[in-house]
Amino acid sequence: MKTPLERAQAKREQLERELRRSPDFHLYLLTKSLRDRARMESVLMDIPQFALWRTLTRSVESVEASGV
């Protein structure tokens, strides 16, 4: 049985595979500037898959950083 973290990671990976079909998502991943990245996030948030991917990414990173 998978843990909630493992399920979140799997869903995030699935969403990322789908989002990688979008040139805008590729550009987002390549963007280094925090200001530019934030601006791109605001545009990409209109895509439900991106919003979920971003939420899952931040949650997973938070759990991993806490060492749980």
Protein backbone atom coordinates (compact mmCIF):
# COMPACT_ATOMS: atom_id res chain seq x y z
CA MET A 1 0.00 0.00 0.00
CA LYS A 2 1.33 3.41 -0.94
CA THR A 3 1.73 6.22 1.55
CA PRO A 4 0.01 9.57 0.94
CA LEU A 5 3.41 11.02 0.02
CA GLU A 6 4.02 8.27 -2.55
CA ARG A 7 0.55 8.81 -4.04
CA ALA A 8 1.18 12.57 -4.25
CA GLN A 9 4.55 11.99 -5.93
CA ALA A 10 3.00 9.59 -8.45
CA LYS A 11 0.18 12.01 -9.29
CA ARG A 12 2.66 14.88 -9.62
CA GLU A 13 4.79 12.83 -12.05
CA GLN A 14 1.72 11.93 -14.10
CA LEU A 15 0.66 15.58 -14.31
CA GLU A 16 4.18 16.67 -15.24
CA ARG A 17 4.28 14.18 -18.12
CA GLU A 18 1.02 15.67 -19.43
CA LEU A 19 2.15 19.26 -18.90
CA ARG A 20 5.46 18.69 -20.70
CA ARG A 21 3.49 18.65 -23.95
CA SER A 22 3.02 22.39 -23.49
CA PRO A 23 5.78 24.76 -24.66
CA ASP A 24 4.71 27.22 -21.94
CA PHE A 25 5.35 24.62 -19.24
CA HIS A 26 8.79 23.87 -20.69
CA LEU A 27 9.59 27.57 -20.63
CA TYR A 28 8.37 27.75 -17.03
CA LEU A 29 10.72 24.93 -16.03
CA LEU A 30 13.65 26.62 -17.75
CA THR A 31 13.01 30.05 -16.22
CA LYS A 32 15.48 30.92 -13.47
CA SER A 33 14.30 34.41 -12.51
CA LEU A 34 11.89 34.24 -9.56
CA ARG A 35 10.01 37.29 -10.84
CA ASP A 36 9.56 35.81 -14.32
CA ARG A 37 8.65 32.43 -12.88
CA ALA A 38 5.98 34.00 -10.64
CA ARG A 39 4.54 35.89 -13.62
CA MET A 40 4.41 32.67 -15.64
CA GLU A 41 2.77 30.83 -12.72
CA SER A 42 -0.04 33.37 -12.66
CA VAL A 43 -0.73 32.71 -16.34
CA LEU A 44 -0.37 28.92 -16.08
CA MET A 45 -2.69 28.75 -13.05
CA ASP A 46 -5.57 28.95 -15.55
CA ILE A 47 -4.67 25.36 -16.46
CA PRO A 48 -6.20 23.08 -13.78
CA GLN A 49 -3.49 20.44 -14.22
CA PHE A 50 -0.79 23.04 -13.61
CA ALA A 51 -2.51 24.32 -10.48
CA LEU A 52 -2.70 20.78 -9.09
CA TRP A 53 0.90 20.02 -10.15
CA ARG A 54 2.13 23.18 -8.41
CA THR A 55 0.19 22.38 -5.22
CA LEU A 56 1.48 18.81 -5.16
CA THR A 57 5.04 19.94 -5.89
CA ARG A 58 5.04 22.41 -3.02
CA SER A 59 3.47 19.87 -0.65
CA VAL A 60 5.93 17.12 -1.55
CA GLU A 61 8.89 19.50 -1.27
CA SER A 62 7.65 20.69 2.10
CA VAL A 63 7.37 17.14 3.44
CA GLU A 64 10.75 16.16 2.03
CA ALA A 65 12.39 19.25 3.53
CA SER A 66 10.92 18.49 6.95
CA GLY A 67 12.49 15.03 6.86
CA VAL A 68 9.24 13.20 7.55
